[in-house]
Amino acid sequence: MRLVIISGRSGSGKSSALQLLEDVGFNCIDNLPASLLPELVRRVQEQPRVESARLALGIDARNLWQDVQQAPRVIDELRESGIQCDVIYLDARSPVLVQRFSETRRKHPLSDNRTHLLEALNREKELLAPLAGMADLVIDTSSLSLHQLRDQVKTRVVGRDSPGMAILFQSFGFKHGVPVDADLVFDLRCLPNPYWVAELRHKTGLDPEVVEFLRSHEETGEMQRDITSFLGRWLPSYQQSNRSYTCVAVGCTGGRHRSVYMVEQLARTFAGQFDNIQVRHREQQP
């Protein structure tokens, strides 16, 4: 049996994430009181073929305060009983959430005549802090389109059907910010930059010409060996600590040449050592 808890602030994309999970075969329940979760799991376990059961539940600010506060304890107890339970927390920057509410003209569940929207969002953040603190995976949806959010959930959550740790190798550009879900960050800005070669500027680290350029510089190989050695030493320890997700973020200036190349090399290296290796090039998403 597999259980996925989706939480996060209003407007961050929880409904879209649940809808994607429903589309791929999860039984989804939104706004379920955490106090009812053990009874729901017990009833599911009484059914035939419980091993293949997949549930996705939404817990957010619409739940009672006391109910949200006890959610971490309930989830820990389920995990101790052997249930594969992942907590996914979605969020976005407050100005982005304000803009989304303004565009849709929706009412925030915690707002009223005396509580303006930004205050409601701040109260919601405090309310959900226990769930955010125990999340296995945090996704910042500030710059994600609906398609990109669904793609991330499908790749990172649905793609992790085995109980082992899912490792995401993600390239990014520092000028666009470090990914908020990064567990380990490596900086490649000291390596030779193909951007300054006119014929390579509009290509990416996936193109043979860029690959050849980077491989021709000794420091690229040295950096790759050092990163590989570090990850080879410590990723097994991450897995042994029962982590569900680990994001290895590799950045360069723009996120299109050096980091893309390195992520591809690292993913190939560790594909034979871990069952669930995923790749994402953030600055090349449609």
Protein backbone atom coordinates (compact mmCIF):
# COMPACT_ATOMS: atom_id res chain seq x y z
CA MET A 1 0.00 0.00 0.00
CA ARG A 2 1.19 3.48 -0.82
CA LEU A 3 -0.05 6.73 0.71
CA VAL A 4 0.76 10.23 -0.55
CA ILE A 5 -0.11 13.30 1.52
CA ILE A 6 -0.39 16.55 -0.45
CA SER A 7 -0.26 19.77 1.56
CA GLY A 8 0.74 23.38 1.11
CA ARG A 9 -0.59 26.90 1.05
CA SER A 10 -3.73 27.77 -0.90
CA GLY A 11 -2.98 28.66 -4.50
CA SER A 12 0.21 26.60 -4.65
CA GLY A 13 -1.26 23.91 -6.93
CA LYS A 14 -2.47 21.19 -4.55
CA SER A 15 -5.68 20.57 -6.47
CA SER A 16 -3.73 20.16 -9.71
CA ALA A 17 -1.34 17.72 -8.04
CA LEU A 18 -4.21 15.64 -6.67
CA GLN A 19 -5.89 15.66 -10.06
CA LEU A 20 -2.73 14.34 -11.71
CA LEU A 21 -2.48 11.56 -9.13
CA GLU A 22 -6.12 10.67 -9.73
CA ASP A 23 -5.47 10.54 -13.47
CA VAL A 24 -2.70 7.97 -12.99
CA GLY A 25 -4.70 5.66 -10.75
CA PHE A 26 -4.55 6.98 -7.19
CA ASN A 27 -7.72 7.11 -5.10
CA CYS A 28 -7.81 10.76 -4.04
CA ILE A 29 -9.57 12.45 -1.14
CA ASP A 30 -9.24 16.20 -0.61
CA ASN A 31 -9.54 17.92 2.78
CA LEU A 32 -9.61 14.71 4.82
CA PRO A 33 -9.33 15.30 8.61
CA ALA A 34 -6.06 13.77 9.80
CA SER A 35 -7.89 12.15 12.71
CA LEU A 36 -9.77 9.96 10.21
CA LEU A 37 -6.63 8.82 8.42
CA PRO A 38 -5.89 5.72 10.58
CA GLU A 39 -9.47 4.48 10.15
CA LEU A 40 -9.29 5.02 6.38
CA VAL A 41 -6.04 3.07 6.17
CA ARG A 42 -7.50 0.26 8.29
CA ARG A 43 -10.48 -0.07 5.99
CA VAL A 44 -8.27 -0.13 2.90
CA GLN A 45 -6.08 -2.81 4.48
CA GLU A 46 -9.14 -4.99 4.93
CA GLN A 47 -9.72 -5.02 1.19
CA PRO A 48 -8.21 -7.60 -1.21
CA ARG A 49 -5.07 -6.64 -3.14
CA VAL A 50 -4.14 -4.10 -0.50
CA GLU A 51 -0.49 -4.31 -1.63
CA SER A 52 -1.36 -2.44 -4.84
CA ALA A 53 -3.61 0.16 -3.19
CA ARG A 54 -2.60 3.78 -3.82
CA LEU A 55 -4.15 6.67 -1.88
CA ALA A 56 -3.54 10.40 -2.19
CA LEU A 57 -4.93 12.77 0.44
CA GLY A 58 -5.07 16.54 0.67
CA ILE A 59 -4.52 18.17 4.06
CA ASP A 60 -4.51 21.96 4.19
CA ALA A 61 -5.78 25.05 5.97
CA ARG A 62 -9.41 24.01 5.57
CA ASN A 63 -8.79 21.36 8.24
CA LEU A 64 -9.27 22.29 11.88
CA TRP A 65 -6.18 23.72 13.59
CA GLN A 66 -6.04 20.84 16.10
CA ASP A 67 -6.39 18.37 13.25
CA VAL A 68 -3.45 19.80 11.31
CA GLN A 69 -1.30 19.86 14.45
CA GLN A 70 -1.79 16.15 15.05
CA ALA A 71 -1.20 15.18 11.42
CA PRO A 72 2.59 14.63 11.85
CA ARG A 73 2.01 12.24 14.76
CA VAL A 74 -0.58 10.29 12.79
CA ILE A 75 1.72 10.07 9.76
CA ASP A 76 4.67 8.92 11.89
CA GLU A 77 2.52 6.16 13.40
CA LEU A 78 1.45 4.97 9.96
CA ARG A 79 5.06 4.87 8.80
CA GLU A 80 6.06 2.89 11.88
CA SER A 81 3.35 0.37 11.02
CA GLY A 82 4.99 -0.23 7.64
CA ILE A 83 2.88 2.03 5.39
CA GLN A 84 4.84 3.70 2.57
CA CYS A 85 3.81 7.31 3.19
CA ASP A 86 5.23 10.35 1.37
CA VAL A 87 4.48 13.92 2.42
CA ILE A 88 4.62 16.39 -0.49
CA TYR A 89 4.48 20.09 0.39
CA LEU A 90 3.72 22.65 -2.31
CA ASP A 91 4.33 26.35 -1.83
CA ALA A 92 5.07 29.55 -3.73
CA ARG A 93 6.33 33.00 -2.90
CA SER A 94 3.68 35.12 -1.19
CA PRO A 95 3.52 37.79 -3.96
CA VAL A 96 2.91 35.01 -6.50
CA LEU A 97 0.09 33.56 -4.40
CA VAL A 98 -1.48 37.01 -4.01
CA GLN A 99 -1.37 37.47 -7.78
CA ARG A 100 -2.97 34.06 -8.36
CA PHE A 101 -5.82 34.84 -6.00
CA SER A 102 -6.30 38.22 -7.69
CA GLU A 103 -6.47 36.61 -11.12
CA THR A 104 -8.95 33.92 -10.11
CA ARG A 105 -10.92 36.09 -7.64
CA ARG A 106 -11.06 33.16 -5.26
CA LYS A 107 -11.49 33.66 -1.53
CA HIS A 108 -8.72 32.41 0.74
CA PRO A 109 -10.10 29.95 3.33
CA LEU A 110 -8.63 31.98 6.21
CA SER A 111 -9.56 35.44 4.99
CA ASP A 112 -12.58 37.41 6.16
CA ASN A 113 -13.71 41.00 6.57
CA ARG A 114 -11.00 41.61 9.18
CA THR A 115 -8.19 39.53 7.63
CA HIS A 116 -6.63 40.63 4.34
CA LEU A 117 -5.16 38.14 1.88
CA LEU A 118 -1.46 38.50 2.74
CA GLU A 119 -2.22 38.15 6.45
CA ALA A 120 -4.26 35.02 5.71
CA LEU A 121 -1.36 33.54 3.73
CA ASN A 122 1.03 34.21 6.62
CA ARG A 123 -1.36 32.59 9.10
CA GLU A 124 -1.71 29.62 6.78
CA LYS A 125 2.07 29.22 6.65
CA GLU A 126 2.20 29.07 10.45
CA LEU A 127 -0.69 26.60 10.57
CA LEU A 128 0.93 24.22 8.11
CA ALA A 129 4.48 24.51 9.53
CA PRO A 130 4.34 21.03 11.17
CA LEU A 131 3.57 19.40 7.83
CA ALA A 132 6.11 21.52 5.97
CA GLY A 133 8.75 20.54 8.51
CA MET A 134 8.26 16.81 7.96
CA ALA A 135 7.82 16.94 4.17
CA ASP A 136 9.77 14.41 2.13
CA LEU A 137 9.59 16.66 -0.90
CA VAL A 138 9.01 20.42 -1.19
CA ILE A 139 8.05 21.85 -4.58
CA ASP A 140 8.21 25.60 -5.19
CA THR A 141 5.55 26.32 -7.82
CA SER A 142 6.30 30.05 -8.10
CA SER A 143 7.69 29.80 -11.62
CA LEU A 144 5.95 26.60 -12.72
CA SER A 145 3.15 26.44 -15.26
CA LEU A 146 0.33 23.96 -14.68
CA HIS A 147 1.95 21.61 -17.19
CA GLN A 148 5.34 21.85 -15.48
CA LEU A 149 3.80 21.18 -12.07
CA ARG A 150 1.98 18.11 -13.32
CA ASP A 151 5.17 16.94 -14.99
CA GLN A 152 7.16 17.28 -11.76
CA VAL A 153 4.55 15.41 -9.73
CA LYS A 154 4.37 12.66 -12.32
CA THR A 155 8.15 12.30 -12.54
CA ARG A 156 9.11 12.65 -8.90
CA VAL A 157 6.09 11.25 -7.04
CA VAL A 158 4.38 8.81 -9.38
CA GLY A 159 7.74 7.61 -10.67
CA ARG A 160 8.73 6.56 -7.14
CA ASP A 161 6.59 3.46 -6.77
CA SER A 162 9.41 1.45 -5.17
CA PRO A 163 10.24 2.12 -1.51
CA GLY A 164 13.84 3.07 -2.32
CA MET A 165 15.15 6.63 -2.50
CA ALA A 166 14.43 8.64 -5.65
CA ILE A 167 17.39 10.78 -6.73
CA LEU A 168 16.78 13.80 -8.94
CA PHE A 169 19.76 15.28 -10.76
CA GLN A 170 18.71 18.82 -11.68
CA SER A 171 20.57 21.43 -13.70
CA PHE A 172 19.83 25.11 -13.08
CA GLY A 173 21.13 28.62 -13.66
CA PHE A 174 22.29 30.64 -10.68
CA LYS A 175 20.95 33.81 -12.30
CA HIS A 176 17.47 32.33 -11.95
CA GLY A 177 17.93 31.24 -8.34
CA VAL A 178 18.89 28.01 -6.56
CA PRO A 179 16.11 25.37 -6.54
CA VAL A 180 14.35 25.43 -3.16
CA ASP A 181 14.09 21.63 -3.09
CA ALA A 182 17.85 21.13 -3.53
CA ASP A 183 19.51 18.92 -0.92
CA LEU A 184 23.01 19.15 -2.40
CA VAL A 185 24.23 22.00 -4.60
CA PHE A 186 27.32 22.00 -6.82
CA ASP A 187 28.60 25.16 -8.51
CA LEU A 188 30.22 24.80 -11.96
CA ARG A 189 30.70 28.49 -12.70
CA CYS A 190 34.47 28.08 -12.39
CA LEU A 191 34.59 25.80 -15.46
CA PRO A 192 35.19 27.05 -19.03
CA ASN A 193 31.94 28.48 -20.39
CA PRO A 194 30.75 27.43 -23.88
CA TYR A 195 28.52 30.52 -23.91
CA TRP A 196 31.56 32.62 -24.88
CA VAL A 197 32.15 30.51 -28.00
CA ALA A 198 29.91 32.05 -30.66
CA GLU A 199 29.01 28.81 -32.42
CA LEU A 200 28.11 27.13 -29.10
CA ARG A 201 26.16 29.96 -27.46
CA HIS A 202 22.73 28.87 -28.68
CA LYS A 203 23.34 25.15 -28.11
CA THR A 204 23.03 23.24 -24.84
CA GLY A 205 24.91 20.66 -22.84
CA LEU A 206 22.97 17.98 -24.71
CA ASP A 207 24.56 18.90 -28.05
CA PRO A 208 27.67 16.95 -29.17
CA GLU A 209 29.61 20.13 -29.90
CA VAL A 210 29.19 21.40 -26.34
CA VAL A 211 29.99 17.96 -24.91
CA GLU A 212 33.21 17.87 -26.93
CA PHE A 213 34.16 21.39 -25.84
CA LEU A 214 33.71 20.61 -22.14
CA ARG A 215 35.49 17.27 -22.35
CA SER A 216 38.46 18.96 -23.98
CA HIS A 217 39.17 20.85 -20.74
CA GLU A 218 40.92 18.90 -18.01
CA GLU A 219 39.21 20.78 -15.18
CA THR A 220 35.79 19.53 -16.36
CA GLY A 221 36.91 15.95 -15.82
CA GLU A 222 38.44 16.81 -12.47
CA MET A 223 35.23 18.45 -11.28
CA GLN A 224 33.18 15.46 -12.46
CA ARG A 225 35.44 13.01 -10.62
CA ASP A 226 35.31 15.05 -7.41
CA ILE A 227 31.50 15.31 -7.47
CA THR A 228 31.17 11.63 -8.32
CA SER A 229 33.46 10.69 -5.45
CA PHE A 230 31.50 12.83 -2.98
CA LEU A 231 28.12 11.49 -4.07
CA GLY A 232 29.39 7.92 -4.18
CA ARG A 233 30.46 8.30 -0.56
CA TRP A 234 27.34 10.00 0.82
CA LEU A 235 24.29 9.06 -1.27
CA PRO A 236 24.16 5.55 0.26
CA SER A 237 24.08 7.19 3.70
CA TYR A 238 21.16 9.36 2.61
CA GLN A 239 19.34 6.24 1.47
CA GLN A 240 20.08 4.35 4.68
CA SER A 241 18.52 7.21 6.67
CA ASN A 242 15.18 6.30 5.01
CA ARG A 243 14.97 9.42 2.86
CA SER A 244 12.36 9.19 0.12
CA TYR A 245 13.76 11.92 -2.13
CA THR A 246 17.12 13.58 -2.68
CA CYS A 247 17.71 16.41 -5.13
CA VAL A 248 21.26 16.95 -6.40
CA ALA A 249 21.27 20.39 -8.01
CA VAL A 250 24.11 21.33 -10.35
CA GLY A 251 24.32 24.95 -11.40
CA CYS A 252 26.16 27.20 -13.81
CA THR A 253 25.44 30.78 -14.79
CA GLY A 254 22.56 30.27 -17.22
CA GLY A 255 21.79 26.62 -16.63
CA ARG A 256 22.06 25.57 -20.28
CA HIS A 257 25.61 24.35 -20.93
CA ARG A 258 27.93 23.20 -18.13
CA SER A 259 25.29 22.14 -15.63
CA VAL A 260 23.26 20.27 -18.24
CA TYR A 261 26.34 18.35 -19.38
CA MET A 262 27.34 17.45 -15.80
CA VAL A 263 23.86 16.32 -14.79
CA GLU A 264 23.74 13.95 -17.75
CA GLN A 265 27.13 12.47 -16.83
CA LEU A 266 26.22 12.03 -13.16
CA ALA A 267 22.87 10.45 -13.96
CA ARG A 268 24.57 7.86 -16.18
CA THR A 269 27.17 7.13 -13.52
CA PHE A 270 24.67 6.47 -10.73
CA ALA A 271 21.95 4.79 -12.80
CA GLY A 272 23.58 1.43 -12.12
CA GLN A 273 23.78 2.01 -8.37
CA PHE A 274 20.28 3.28 -7.55
CA ASP A 275 16.93 2.07 -8.83
CA ASN A 276 15.25 5.45 -9.30
CA ILE A 277 17.36 8.09 -11.03
CA GLN A 278 15.58 11.12 -12.48
CA VAL A 279 16.86 14.03 -14.56
CA ARG A 280 15.47 17.54 -14.91
CA HIS A 281 16.96 20.52 -16.75
CA ARG A 282 15.10 23.39 -15.14
CA GLU A 283 16.02 26.14 -17.58
CA GLN A 284 15.06 24.01 -20.57
CA GLN A 285 11.51 23.27 -19.46
CA PRO A 286 8.83 24.35 -21.97
